[in-house]
Amino acid sequence: MKKFITIAGNIGVGKSSLVRLLSQRLEWDPFFEPVANNPYLADFYADMKTWSFHSQTYFLSNRLKVYGDLLECPNSVILDRSLYEDAEVFARNLYLQGLMSQRDYETYETIYRTLLRFLPTPDLVVYLRASSSTLIERIHKRGRDYEKNIGEEYLQQLNDTYETWICNFTLCPVLTVPSDNLDFVNHSNHMDLIQEKIQEKISGKEEVIFSPEECSQV
């Protein structure tokens, strides 16, 4: 039976890397987030208040295209970032910080809520959780020009919004991965543990967690 999982998490947490590694191991089809194609992104990071609605609406429309491709795919799929995060983390955080007007936010929310009625729900959300200091370190390592001005305060605001979203998310099961402690890109045994937990969760196991003992042993 076709499965659909999505990898969620803040900027720089390692979503694309996990999608790539998981798709190779499970032989599922990956669907990546084409962030660099957003024509508003550089302007947004330079002036968030002016460009927030434009940038978020682009992400939403682009996500709809990705979901269309995903629906046509006959194989199990792994999605890099979900539609939920676009709306309930990034757009909401911009609104809460006064960087998106109420009028723009309400328009955006109406589009998002309408899309939810027609799009498939994942079998599992894998949420990569990491501290803002870890995120800053990883963002600097990958060296994208348009991300160089992202501050730790902004990342912490997003982290707080992520935590609110994930605590209230009930549409499908969630597996939270402690990404400060697990370097799955450079350590295959860390990746082994994450893959094991994901497979337990999608097989229907109710409670799947990463214990401190497991993380320290790998």
N, C-alpha and C. Protein backbone atom coordinates (compact mmCIF):
# COMPACT_ATOMS: atom_id res chain seq x y z
N MET A 1 0.85 -1.20 0.00
CA MET A 1 0.00 0.00 0.00
C MET A 1 0.88 1.25 0.00
N LYS A 2 0.51 2.23 -0.83
CA LYS A 2 1.26 3.48 -0.92
C LYS A 2 1.24 4.22 0.41
N LYS A 3 2.42 4.70 0.83
CA LYS A 3 2.54 5.48 2.06
C LYS A 3 2.99 6.90 1.72
N PHE A 4 2.65 7.82 2.60
CA PHE A 4 2.99 9.23 2.43
C PHE A 4 3.44 9.77 3.78
N ILE A 5 4.73 10.14 3.87
CA ILE A 5 5.21 10.79 5.09
C ILE A 5 5.82 12.13 4.72
N THR A 6 5.77 13.05 5.67
CA THR A 6 6.35 14.37 5.44
C THR A 6 7.33 14.68 6.56
N ILE A 7 8.43 15.34 6.18
CA ILE A 7 9.47 15.72 7.14
C ILE A 7 9.29 17.20 7.47
N ALA A 8 9.07 17.48 8.75
CA ALA A 8 8.80 18.84 9.20
C ALA A 8 9.95 19.35 10.07
N GLY A 9 10.10 20.68 10.09
CA GLY A 9 11.11 21.26 10.96
C GLY A 9 11.59 22.61 10.48
N ASN A 10 12.28 23.30 11.35
CA ASN A 10 12.71 24.67 11.13
C ASN A 10 13.79 24.75 10.05
N ILE A 11 14.12 25.97 9.67
CA ILE A 11 15.16 26.23 8.67
C ILE A 11 16.49 25.67 9.15
N GLY A 12 17.15 24.89 8.31
CA GLY A 12 18.49 24.38 8.64
C GLY A 12 18.51 23.14 9.49
N VAL A 13 17.37 22.55 9.81
CA VAL A 13 17.34 21.41 10.74
C VAL A 13 17.76 20.10 10.08
N GLY A 14 17.71 20.05 8.74
CA GLY A 14 18.15 18.84 8.05
C GLY A 14 17.04 18.08 7.34
N LYS A 15 15.95 18.75 7.02
CA LYS A 15 14.81 18.08 6.37
C LYS A 15 15.19 17.46 5.03
N SER A 16 15.82 18.26 4.16
CA SER A 16 16.16 17.76 2.83
C SER A 16 17.13 16.59 2.90
N SER A 17 18.07 16.67 3.83
CA SER A 17 19.04 15.57 3.99
C SER A 17 18.34 14.30 4.43
N LEU A 18 17.38 14.43 5.35
CA LEU A 18 16.66 13.24 5.81
C LEU A 18 15.78 12.68 4.70
N VAL A 19 15.14 13.54 3.93
CA VAL A 19 14.34 13.06 2.78
C VAL A 19 15.22 12.28 1.82
N ARG A 20 16.39 12.82 1.52
CA ARG A 20 17.31 12.16 0.58
C ARG A 20 17.75 10.80 1.10
N LEU A 21 18.18 10.74 2.36
CA LEU A 21 18.68 9.49 2.93
C LEU A 21 17.58 8.45 3.08
N LEU A 22 16.41 8.89 3.54
CA LEU A 22 15.30 7.97 3.71
C LEU A 22 14.82 7.40 2.38
N SER A 23 14.72 8.26 1.38
CA SER A 23 14.24 7.81 0.08
C SER A 23 15.18 6.77 -0.52
N GLN A 24 16.48 6.94 -0.29
CA GLN A 24 17.46 5.96 -0.76
C GLN A 24 17.31 4.63 -0.03
N ARG A 25 17.14 4.70 1.27
CA ARG A 25 17.05 3.47 2.08
C ARG A 25 15.73 2.72 1.86
N LEU A 26 14.63 3.47 1.80
CA LEU A 26 13.32 2.85 1.70
C LEU A 26 12.88 2.61 0.25
N GLU A 27 13.63 3.24 -0.68
CA GLU A 27 13.28 3.20 -2.11
C GLU A 27 11.90 3.81 -2.35
N TRP A 28 11.67 4.94 -1.67
CA TRP A 28 10.46 5.73 -1.87
C TRP A 28 10.83 6.94 -2.73
N ASP A 29 9.84 7.59 -3.30
CA ASP A 29 10.10 8.76 -4.14
C ASP A 29 10.17 10.02 -3.29
N PRO A 30 11.25 10.80 -3.43
CA PRO A 30 11.38 12.05 -2.65
C PRO A 30 10.76 13.24 -3.37
N PHE A 31 10.17 14.13 -2.60
CA PHE A 31 9.66 15.39 -3.13
C PHE A 31 10.28 16.52 -2.31
N PHE A 32 11.20 17.24 -2.94
CA PHE A 32 11.97 18.26 -2.22
C PHE A 32 11.31 19.63 -2.34
N GLU A 33 11.66 20.48 -1.38
CA GLU A 33 11.17 21.86 -1.37
C GLU A 33 12.10 22.73 -2.21
N PRO A 34 11.63 23.27 -3.33
CA PRO A 34 12.50 24.08 -4.20
C PRO A 34 12.62 25.52 -3.71
N VAL A 35 13.23 25.69 -2.55
CA VAL A 35 13.29 27.02 -1.91
C VAL A 35 13.96 28.05 -2.80
N ALA A 36 15.04 27.67 -3.45
CA ALA A 36 15.82 28.64 -4.22
C ALA A 36 15.03 29.23 -5.38
N ASN A 37 13.93 28.58 -5.78
CA ASN A 37 13.15 29.08 -6.91
C ASN A 37 12.19 30.20 -6.52
N ASN A 38 12.03 30.46 -5.23
CA ASN A 38 11.11 31.50 -4.80
C ASN A 38 11.67 32.87 -5.19
N PRO A 39 11.02 33.57 -6.14
CA PRO A 39 11.58 34.84 -6.62
C PRO A 39 11.48 35.98 -5.60
N TYR A 40 10.77 35.74 -4.50
CA TYR A 40 10.59 36.77 -3.48
C TYR A 40 11.52 36.58 -2.28
N LEU A 41 12.26 35.47 -2.24
CA LEU A 41 12.92 35.09 -1.01
C LEU A 41 14.00 36.08 -0.58
N ALA A 42 14.86 36.49 -1.50
CA ALA A 42 15.92 37.44 -1.14
C ALA A 42 15.32 38.76 -0.67
N ASP A 43 14.28 39.23 -1.35
CA ASP A 43 13.59 40.46 -0.94
C ASP A 43 12.95 40.28 0.43
N PHE A 44 12.37 39.10 0.66
CA PHE A 44 11.71 38.83 1.94
C PHE A 44 12.70 38.92 3.09
N TYR A 45 13.86 38.28 2.96
CA TYR A 45 14.83 38.31 4.05
C TYR A 45 15.41 39.71 4.26
N ALA A 46 15.39 40.53 3.20
CA ALA A 46 15.88 41.91 3.33
C ALA A 46 14.82 42.84 3.94
N ASP A 47 13.53 42.55 3.68
CA ASP A 47 12.44 43.40 4.17
C ASP A 47 11.20 42.53 4.36
N MET A 48 11.11 41.87 5.51
CA MET A 48 10.07 40.87 5.74
C MET A 48 8.67 41.48 5.71
N LYS A 49 8.51 42.68 6.24
CA LYS A 49 7.17 43.27 6.33
C LYS A 49 6.58 43.55 4.95
N THR A 50 7.41 44.00 4.03
CA THR A 50 6.93 44.32 2.68
C THR A 50 6.62 43.08 1.87
N TRP A 51 7.43 42.05 2.04
CA TRP A 51 7.37 40.91 1.13
C TRP A 51 6.80 39.64 1.75
N SER A 52 6.32 39.68 2.98
CA SER A 52 5.87 38.45 3.64
C SER A 52 4.70 37.79 2.93
N PHE A 53 3.70 38.56 2.58
CA PHE A 53 2.52 37.97 1.93
C PHE A 53 2.88 37.40 0.57
N HIS A 54 3.68 38.12 -0.20
CA HIS A 54 4.09 37.64 -1.53
C HIS A 54 4.86 36.33 -1.42
N SER A 55 5.81 36.30 -0.50
CA SER A 55 6.65 35.11 -0.35
C SER A 55 5.84 33.91 0.11
N GLN A 56 5.00 34.11 1.11
CA GLN A 56 4.21 32.99 1.64
C GLN A 56 3.17 32.50 0.64
N THR A 57 2.60 33.39 -0.12
CA THR A 57 1.64 32.98 -1.14
C THR A 57 2.33 32.19 -2.24
N TYR A 58 3.55 32.59 -2.58
CA TYR A 58 4.31 31.80 -3.56
C TYR A 58 4.55 30.39 -3.04
N PHE A 59 5.01 30.29 -1.79
CA PHE A 59 5.25 28.96 -1.20
C PHE A 59 3.98 28.11 -1.22
N LEU A 60 2.85 28.72 -0.90
CA LEU A 60 1.60 27.99 -0.86
C LEU A 60 1.21 27.48 -2.25
N SER A 61 1.33 28.34 -3.26
CA SER A 61 0.98 27.92 -4.63
C SER A 61 1.94 26.86 -5.14
N ASN A 62 3.21 27.00 -4.78
CA ASN A 62 4.19 26.01 -5.22
C ASN A 62 3.96 24.68 -4.52
N ARG A 63 3.56 24.73 -3.25
CA ARG A 63 3.27 23.51 -2.51
C ARG A 63 2.10 22.76 -3.14
N LEU A 64 1.14 23.51 -3.65
CA LEU A 64 0.00 22.89 -4.31
C LEU A 64 0.45 22.10 -5.55
N LYS A 65 1.40 22.65 -6.29
CA LYS A 65 1.95 21.93 -7.44
C LYS A 65 2.62 20.64 -7.01
N VAL A 66 3.39 20.71 -5.92
CA VAL A 66 4.08 19.52 -5.42
C VAL A 66 3.07 18.45 -5.00
N TYR A 67 2.01 18.85 -4.34
CA TYR A 67 0.98 17.89 -3.93
C TYR A 67 0.33 17.25 -5.15
N GLY A 68 0.17 18.02 -6.22
CA GLY A 68 -0.38 17.45 -7.45
C GLY A 68 0.51 16.35 -8.00
N ASP A 69 1.82 16.60 -8.03
CA ASP A 69 2.77 15.59 -8.48
C ASP A 69 2.76 14.38 -7.55
N LEU A 70 2.67 14.65 -6.27
CA LEU A 70 2.66 13.59 -5.27
C LEU A 70 1.45 12.66 -5.45
N LEU A 71 0.30 13.24 -5.75
CA LEU A 71 -0.91 12.45 -5.94
C LEU A 71 -0.80 11.54 -7.16
N GLU A 72 -0.09 11.99 -8.17
CA GLU A 72 0.05 11.20 -9.39
C GLU A 72 1.11 10.12 -9.28
N CYS A 73 1.96 10.20 -8.25
CA CYS A 73 3.04 9.23 -8.09
C CYS A 73 2.47 7.89 -7.60
N PRO A 74 2.82 6.78 -8.26
CA PRO A 74 2.27 5.48 -7.85
C PRO A 74 2.99 4.86 -6.66
N ASN A 75 4.15 5.40 -6.31
CA ASN A 75 4.97 4.81 -5.25
C ASN A 75 4.76 5.53 -3.92
N SER A 76 5.28 4.96 -2.84
CA SER A 76 5.30 5.65 -1.56
C SER A 76 6.20 6.87 -1.66
N VAL A 77 5.86 7.92 -0.92
CA VAL A 77 6.54 9.20 -1.11
C VAL A 77 6.95 9.81 0.23
N ILE A 78 8.01 10.64 0.16
CA ILE A 78 8.49 11.41 1.31
C ILE A 78 8.54 12.87 0.90
N LEU A 79 7.85 13.73 1.63
CA LEU A 79 7.75 15.15 1.29
C LEU A 79 8.61 15.99 2.21
N ASP A 80 9.36 16.89 1.62
CA ASP A 80 10.21 17.84 2.34
C ASP A 80 9.37 19.07 2.70
N ARG A 81 8.96 19.15 3.95
CA ARG A 81 8.12 20.20 4.54
C ARG A 81 6.68 20.11 4.04
N SER A 82 5.77 20.33 4.95
CA SER A 82 4.35 20.17 4.67
C SER A 82 3.66 21.51 4.43
N LEU A 83 2.49 21.40 3.85
CA LEU A 83 1.63 22.56 3.68
C LEU A 83 1.28 23.18 5.03
N TYR A 84 1.14 22.32 6.05
CA TYR A 84 0.75 22.80 7.38
C TYR A 84 1.76 23.82 7.92
N GLU A 85 3.03 23.54 7.71
CA GLU A 85 4.07 24.43 8.24
C GLU A 85 4.05 25.79 7.57
N ASP A 86 3.83 25.79 6.25
CA ASP A 86 3.76 27.06 5.53
C ASP A 86 2.78 28.01 6.22
N ALA A 87 1.61 27.46 6.54
CA ALA A 87 0.53 28.29 7.09
C ALA A 87 0.61 28.46 8.59
N GLU A 88 0.75 27.34 9.31
CA GLU A 88 0.58 27.36 10.76
C GLU A 88 1.86 27.68 11.53
N VAL A 89 2.98 27.72 10.81
CA VAL A 89 4.23 28.13 11.45
C VAL A 89 4.74 29.43 10.83
N PHE A 90 5.07 29.40 9.55
CA PHE A 90 5.74 30.55 8.95
C PHE A 90 4.81 31.75 8.76
N ALA A 91 3.66 31.54 8.14
CA ALA A 91 2.74 32.67 7.95
C ALA A 91 2.22 33.17 9.30
N ARG A 92 1.88 32.24 10.19
CA ARG A 92 1.36 32.65 11.50
C ARG A 92 2.41 33.42 12.30
N ASN A 93 3.65 32.98 12.25
CA ASN A 93 4.71 33.68 12.97
C ASN A 93 4.88 35.10 12.43
N LEU A 94 4.82 35.25 11.12
CA LEU A 94 4.94 36.58 10.52
C LEU A 94 3.80 37.49 10.99
N TYR A 95 2.61 36.93 11.06
CA TYR A 95 1.46 37.71 11.54
C TYR A 95 1.63 38.09 13.02
N LEU A 96 2.04 37.12 13.84
CA LEU A 96 2.21 37.38 15.27
C LEU A 96 3.30 38.41 15.54
N GLN A 97 4.30 38.45 14.67
CA GLN A 97 5.40 39.40 14.86
C GLN A 97 5.11 40.76 14.22
N GLY A 98 3.92 40.92 13.65
CA GLY A 98 3.58 42.19 13.02
C GLY A 98 4.21 42.38 11.66
N LEU A 99 4.66 41.28 11.05
CA LEU A 99 5.32 41.35 9.74
C LEU A 99 4.39 40.99 8.59
N MET A 100 3.14 40.64 8.91
CA MET A 100 2.10 40.44 7.91
C MET A 100 0.82 41.08 8.46
N SER A 101 0.16 41.87 7.65
CA SER A 101 -1.03 42.57 8.11
C SER A 101 -2.17 41.59 8.35
N GLN A 102 -3.13 42.01 9.16
CA GLN A 102 -4.28 41.15 9.44
C GLN A 102 -5.05 40.85 8.15
N ARG A 103 -5.19 41.82 7.28
CA ARG A 103 -5.90 41.62 6.02
C ARG A 103 -5.21 40.55 5.16
N ASP A 104 -3.90 40.67 5.04
CA ASP A 104 -3.16 39.69 4.25
C ASP A 104 -3.21 38.31 4.89
N TYR A 105 -3.10 38.27 6.22
CA TYR A 105 -3.11 36.98 6.91
C TYR A 105 -4.47 36.29 6.77
N GLU A 106 -5.54 37.04 6.88
CA GLU A 106 -6.87 36.46 6.74
C GLU A 106 -7.09 35.93 5.32
N THR A 107 -6.59 36.65 4.32
CA THR A 107 -6.68 36.17 2.94
C THR A 107 -5.90 34.88 2.76
N TYR A 108 -4.69 34.88 3.31
CA TYR A 108 -3.84 33.68 3.23
C TYR A 108 -4.51 32.49 3.92
N GLU A 109 -5.05 32.70 5.10
CA GLU A 109 -5.72 31.64 5.86
C GLU A 109 -6.91 31.06 5.10
N THR A 110 -7.66 31.90 4.43
CA THR A 110 -8.81 31.42 3.66
C THR A 110 -8.37 30.48 2.55
N ILE A 111 -7.29 30.86 1.85
CA ILE A 111 -6.76 30.00 0.78
C ILE A 111 -6.29 28.67 1.37
N TYR A 112 -5.56 28.75 2.46
CA TYR A 112 -5.00 27.55 3.10
C TYR A 112 -6.12 26.60 3.56
N ARG A 113 -7.10 27.10 4.26
CA ARG A 113 -8.19 26.26 4.78
C ARG A 113 -8.98 25.61 3.64
N THR A 114 -9.10 26.31 2.53
CA THR A 114 -9.78 25.73 1.38
C THR A 114 -8.96 24.58 0.78
N LEU A 115 -7.66 24.77 0.68
CA LEU A 115 -6.79 23.73 0.13
C LEU A 115 -6.82 22.46 0.99
N LEU A 116 -6.89 22.62 2.30
CA LEU A 116 -6.89 21.47 3.20
C LEU A 116 -8.03 20.50 2.92
N ARG A 117 -9.10 21.01 2.38
CA ARG A 117 -10.27 20.16 2.12
C ARG A 117 -10.02 19.19 0.98
N PHE A 118 -9.03 19.49 0.14
CA PHE A 118 -8.83 18.69 -1.07
C PHE A 118 -7.51 17.91 -1.10
N LEU A 119 -6.60 18.22 -0.21
CA LEU A 119 -5.27 17.61 -0.27
C LEU A 119 -5.16 16.41 0.66
N PRO A 120 -4.31 15.43 0.33
CA PRO A 120 -4.19 14.21 1.13
C PRO A 120 -3.50 14.48 2.47
N THR A 121 -3.90 13.72 3.47
CA THR A 121 -3.28 13.79 4.79
C THR A 121 -2.16 12.76 4.87
N PRO A 122 -0.98 13.12 5.40
CA PRO A 122 0.11 12.15 5.49
C PRO A 122 -0.22 10.99 6.43
N ASP A 123 0.48 9.89 6.23
CA ASP A 123 0.40 8.78 7.17
C ASP A 123 1.23 9.07 8.42
N LEU A 124 2.23 9.96 8.28
CA LEU A 124 3.11 10.30 9.40
C LEU A 124 3.79 11.62 9.14
N VAL A 125 3.89 12.45 10.18
CA VAL A 125 4.76 13.64 10.17
C VAL A 125 5.96 13.34 11.04
N VAL A 126 7.16 13.47 10.46
CA VAL A 126 8.41 13.33 11.21
C VAL A 126 8.90 14.74 11.51
N TYR A 127 8.85 15.11 12.78
CA TYR A 127 9.21 16.48 13.20
C TYR A 127 10.63 16.49 13.73
N LEU A 128 11.52 17.20 13.02
CA LEU A 128 12.91 17.35 13.47
C LEU A 128 12.99 18.57 14.39
N ARG A 129 13.32 18.32 15.64
CA ARG A 129 13.39 19.39 16.65
C ARG A 129 14.85 19.71 16.94
N ALA A 130 15.21 21.01 16.88
CA ALA A 130 16.58 21.42 17.20
C ALA A 130 16.56 22.82 17.80
N SER A 131 17.54 23.12 18.63
CA SER A 131 17.66 24.44 19.25
C SER A 131 18.05 25.48 18.20
N SER A 132 17.78 26.73 18.51
CA SER A 132 18.12 27.80 17.57
C SER A 132 19.63 27.90 17.35
N SER A 133 20.42 27.59 18.37
CA SER A 133 21.88 27.64 18.20
C SER A 133 22.36 26.56 17.22
N THR A 134 21.76 25.38 17.30
CA THR A 134 22.09 24.32 16.34
C THR A 134 21.69 24.73 14.93
N LEU A 135 20.53 25.35 14.80
CA LEU A 135 20.06 25.78 13.48
C LEU A 135 20.99 26.83 12.87
N ILE A 136 21.41 27.79 13.68
CA ILE A 136 22.33 28.83 13.19
C ILE A 136 23.63 28.19 12.70
N GLU A 137 24.15 27.26 13.44
CA GLU A 137 25.39 26.58 13.06
C GLU A 137 25.22 25.86 11.72
N ARG A 138 24.13 25.17 11.54
CA ARG A 138 23.91 24.42 10.29
C ARG A 138 23.64 25.34 9.11
N ILE A 139 22.92 26.44 9.35
CA ILE A 139 22.66 27.41 8.29
C ILE A 139 23.97 28.02 7.80
N HIS A 140 24.85 28.36 8.72
CA HIS A 140 26.14 28.94 8.34
C HIS A 140 26.99 27.94 7.57
N LYS A 141 26.89 26.68 7.93
CA LYS A 141 27.67 25.64 7.24
C LYS A 141 27.26 25.49 5.79
N ARG A 142 25.96 25.59 5.52
CA ARG A 142 25.55 25.37 4.13
C ARG A 142 25.69 26.62 3.27
N GLY A 143 25.81 27.79 3.90
CA GLY A 143 26.27 28.99 3.20
C GLY A 143 25.40 29.53 2.09
N ARG A 144 24.08 29.49 2.25
CA ARG A 144 23.21 30.09 1.24
C ARG A 144 23.17 31.60 1.45
N ASP A 145 23.41 32.36 0.37
CA ASP A 145 23.50 33.81 0.48
C ASP A 145 22.23 34.44 1.05
N TYR A 146 21.06 33.95 0.59
CA TYR A 146 19.82 34.58 1.01
C TYR A 146 19.47 34.26 2.46
N GLU A 147 20.23 33.34 3.10
CA GLU A 147 19.97 33.00 4.51
C GLU A 147 20.96 33.66 5.47
N LYS A 148 21.91 34.41 4.95
CA LYS A 148 23.00 34.90 5.79
C LYS A 148 22.55 35.90 6.85
N ASN A 149 21.38 36.55 6.62
CA ASN A 149 20.91 37.54 7.59
C ASN A 149 19.88 36.98 8.57
N ILE A 150 19.62 35.68 8.50
CA ILE A 150 18.66 35.08 9.44
C ILE A 150 19.26 35.10 10.84
N GLY A 151 18.54 35.66 11.79
CA GLY A 151 19.05 35.77 13.15
C GLY A 151 18.53 34.67 14.05
N GLU A 152 19.22 34.48 15.17
CA GLU A 152 18.82 33.44 16.10
C GLU A 152 17.47 33.76 16.76
N GLU A 153 17.18 35.03 16.95
CA GLU A 153 15.90 35.41 17.56
C GLU A 153 14.73 34.99 16.67
N TYR A 154 14.88 35.21 15.35
CA TYR A 154 13.84 34.80 14.40
C TYR A 154 13.66 33.29 14.41
N LEU A 155 14.75 32.54 14.45
CA LEU A 155 14.68 31.08 14.49
C LEU A 155 14.02 30.60 15.78
N GLN A 156 14.29 31.28 16.88
CA GLN A 156 13.66 30.89 18.14
C GLN A 156 12.16 31.17 18.10
N GLN A 157 11.77 32.28 17.49
CA GLN A 157 10.34 32.55 17.32
C GLN A 157 9.66 31.45 16.51
N LEU A 158 10.34 31.02 15.45
CA LEU A 158 9.80 29.92 14.64
C LEU A 158 9.74 28.63 15.45
N ASN A 159 10.79 28.37 16.23
CA ASN A 159 10.78 27.18 17.08
C ASN A 159 9.57 27.18 18.03
N ASP A 160 9.31 28.33 18.63
CA ASP A 160 8.17 28.44 19.54
C ASP A 160 6.85 28.17 18.81
N THR A 161 6.75 28.69 17.59
CA THR A 161 5.53 28.49 16.80
C THR A 161 5.42 27.03 16.37
N TYR A 162 6.56 26.42 16.03
CA TYR A 162 6.57 24.99 15.70
C TYR A 162 6.04 24.15 16.87
N GLU A 163 6.50 24.47 18.07
CA GLU A 163 6.10 23.69 19.24
C GLU A 163 4.59 23.82 19.49
N THR A 164 4.06 25.02 19.32
CA THR A 164 2.62 25.22 19.47
C THR A 164 1.86 24.40 18.43
N TRP A 165 2.35 24.46 17.18
CA TRP A 165 1.68 23.71 16.10
C TRP A 165 1.72 22.21 16.36
N ILE A 166 2.89 21.68 16.69
CA ILE A 166 3.02 20.22 16.81
C ILE A 166 2.24 19.70 18.01
N CYS A 167 2.14 20.50 19.07
CA CYS A 167 1.38 20.08 20.26
C CYS A 167 -0.11 19.99 19.99
N ASN A 168 -0.58 20.73 18.99
CA ASN A 168 -2.01 20.77 18.69
C ASN A 168 -2.37 20.04 17.40
N PHE A 169 -1.37 19.41 16.77
CA PHE A 169 -1.60 18.75 15.48
C PHE A 169 -2.19 17.36 15.71
N THR A 170 -3.33 17.09 15.11
CA THR A 170 -4.03 15.82 15.34
C THR A 170 -4.45 15.11 14.06
N LEU A 171 -4.05 15.63 12.90
CA LEU A 171 -4.53 15.04 11.64
C LEU A 171 -3.91 13.68 11.34
N CYS A 172 -2.72 13.43 11.86
CA CYS A 172 -2.06 12.14 11.64
C CYS A 172 -1.02 11.94 12.75
N PRO A 173 -0.44 10.73 12.88
CA PRO A 173 0.60 10.52 13.89
C PRO A 173 1.83 11.39 13.65
N VAL A 174 2.54 11.68 14.74
CA VAL A 174 3.76 12.49 14.69
C VAL A 174 4.89 11.75 15.40
N LEU A 175 6.07 11.75 14.78
CA LEU A 175 7.28 11.24 15.42
C LEU A 175 8.25 12.41 15.57
N THR A 176 8.63 12.73 16.80
CA THR A 176 9.55 13.84 17.07
C THR A 176 10.97 13.30 17.21
N VAL A 177 11.89 13.86 16.41
CA VAL A 177 13.29 13.43 16.40
C VAL A 177 14.16 14.49 17.07
N PRO A 178 14.91 14.13 18.14
CA PRO A 178 15.78 15.10 18.83
C PRO A 178 17.03 15.39 18.00
N SER A 179 16.94 16.38 17.13
CA SER A 179 17.98 16.58 16.11
C SER A 179 19.25 17.26 16.63
N ASP A 180 19.21 17.82 17.83
CA ASP A 180 20.45 18.33 18.42
C ASP A 180 21.41 17.18 18.70
N ASN A 181 20.86 16.03 19.06
CA ASN A 181 21.67 14.90 19.52
C ASN A 181 21.96 13.86 18.45
N LEU A 182 21.25 13.92 17.33
CA LEU A 182 21.39 12.90 16.29
C LEU A 182 21.88 13.54 15.00
N ASP A 183 23.10 13.23 14.61
CA ASP A 183 23.69 13.73 13.37
C ASP A 183 23.58 12.63 12.32
N PHE A 184 22.39 12.51 11.73
CA PHE A 184 22.12 11.41 10.82
C PHE A 184 22.82 11.58 9.47
N VAL A 185 23.31 12.77 9.17
CA VAL A 185 24.03 12.98 7.91
C VAL A 185 25.42 12.36 7.97
N ASN A 186 26.08 12.48 9.10
CA ASN A 186 27.47 12.03 9.22
C ASN A 186 27.64 10.71 9.96
N HIS A 187 26.57 10.21 10.57
CA HIS A 187 26.67 8.97 11.33
C HIS A 187 25.55 8.01 10.93
N SER A 188 25.90 6.95 10.24
CA SER A 188 24.90 6.03 9.72
C SER A 188 24.12 5.33 10.83
N ASN A 189 24.75 5.15 12.01
CA ASN A 189 24.02 4.50 13.10
C ASN A 189 22.91 5.40 13.64
N HIS A 190 23.10 6.72 13.55
CA HIS A 190 22.02 7.64 13.91
C HIS A 190 20.87 7.50 12.92
N MET A 191 21.22 7.37 11.65
CA MET A 191 20.22 7.19 10.61
C MET A 191 19.49 5.86 10.79
N ASP A 192 20.22 4.84 11.19
CA ASP A 192 19.60 3.53 11.45
C ASP A 192 18.51 3.65 12.51
N LEU A 193 18.82 4.39 13.58
CA LEU A 193 17.86 4.55 14.68
C LEU A 193 16.62 5.29 14.21
N ILE A 194 16.80 6.38 13.46
CA ILE A 194 15.67 7.16 12.97
C ILE A 194 14.80 6.31 12.04
N GLN A 195 15.44 5.57 11.14
CA GLN A 195 14.68 4.72 10.22
C GLN A 195 13.88 3.67 10.98
N GLU A 196 14.48 3.09 12.00
CA GLU A 196 13.79 2.08 12.81
C GLU A 196 12.55 2.68 13.47
N LYS A 197 12.70 3.88 14.03
CA LYS A 197 11.57 4.52 14.71
C LYS A 197 10.46 4.89 13.73
N ILE A 198 10.83 5.36 12.55
CA ILE A 198 9.83 5.71 11.53
C ILE A 198 9.05 4.47 11.11
N GLN A 199 9.76 3.38 10.89
CA GLN A 199 9.08 2.16 10.46
C GLN A 199 8.16 1.61 11.56
N GLU A 200 8.56 1.76 12.81
CA GLU A 200 7.69 1.36 13.92
C GLU A 200 6.41 2.19 13.92
N LYS A 201 6.57 3.50 13.67
CA LYS A 201 5.42 4.40 13.73
C LYS A 201 4.45 4.16 12.58
N ILE A 202 4.97 3.99 11.36
CA ILE A 202 4.06 3.80 10.23
C ILE A 202 3.45 2.41 10.22
N SER A 203 4.03 1.48 11.00
CA SER A 203 3.44 0.14 11.10
C SER A 203 2.28 0.12 12.10
N GLY A 204 2.11 1.25 12.83
CA GLY A 204 0.96 1.36 13.71
C GLY A 204 1.26 1.35 15.19
N LYS A 205 2.53 1.30 15.58
CA LYS A 205 2.87 1.32 17.00
C LYS A 205 2.46 2.66 17.61
N GLU A 206 1.75 2.59 18.72
CA GLU A 206 1.16 3.79 19.31
C GLU A 206 2.22 4.77 19.83
N GLU A 207 3.10 4.30 20.70
CA GLU A 207 4.08 5.19 21.34
C GLU A 207 5.48 4.84 20.86
N VAL A 208 6.08 5.76 20.13
CA VAL A 208 7.45 5.59 19.65
C VAL A 208 8.22 6.84 20.05
N ILE A 209 9.26 6.68 20.87
CA ILE A 209 10.04 7.83 21.33
C ILE A 209 11.53 7.52 21.21
N PHE A 210 12.34 8.57 21.24
CA PHE A 210 13.79 8.44 21.30
C PHE A 210 14.20 8.67 22.75
N SER A 211 14.59 7.62 23.43
CA SER A 211 15.00 7.76 24.82
C SER A 211 16.41 8.32 24.89
N PRO A 212 16.75 9.04 25.97
CA PRO A 212 18.12 9.56 26.12
C PRO A 212 19.17 8.43 26.05
N GLU A 213 18.82 7.27 26.56
CA GLU A 213 19.75 6.14 26.53
C GLU A 213 20.05 5.72 25.10
N GLU A 214 19.02 5.64 24.25
CA GLU A 214 19.22 5.25 22.85
C GLU A 214 20.09 6.27 22.12
N CYS A 215 19.81 7.55 22.36
CA CYS A 215 20.57 8.61 21.67
C CYS A 215 22.02 8.61 22.11
N SER A 216 22.28 8.32 23.38
CA SER A 216 23.66 8.32 23.87
C SER A 216 24.42 7.09 23.38
N GLN A 217 23.71 5.98 23.19
CA GLN A 217 24.37 4.75 22.77
C GLN A 217 24.80 4.82 21.30
N VAL A 218 24.02 5.51 20.48
CA VAL A 218 24.40 5.58 19.07
C VAL A 218 25.48 6.63 18.86
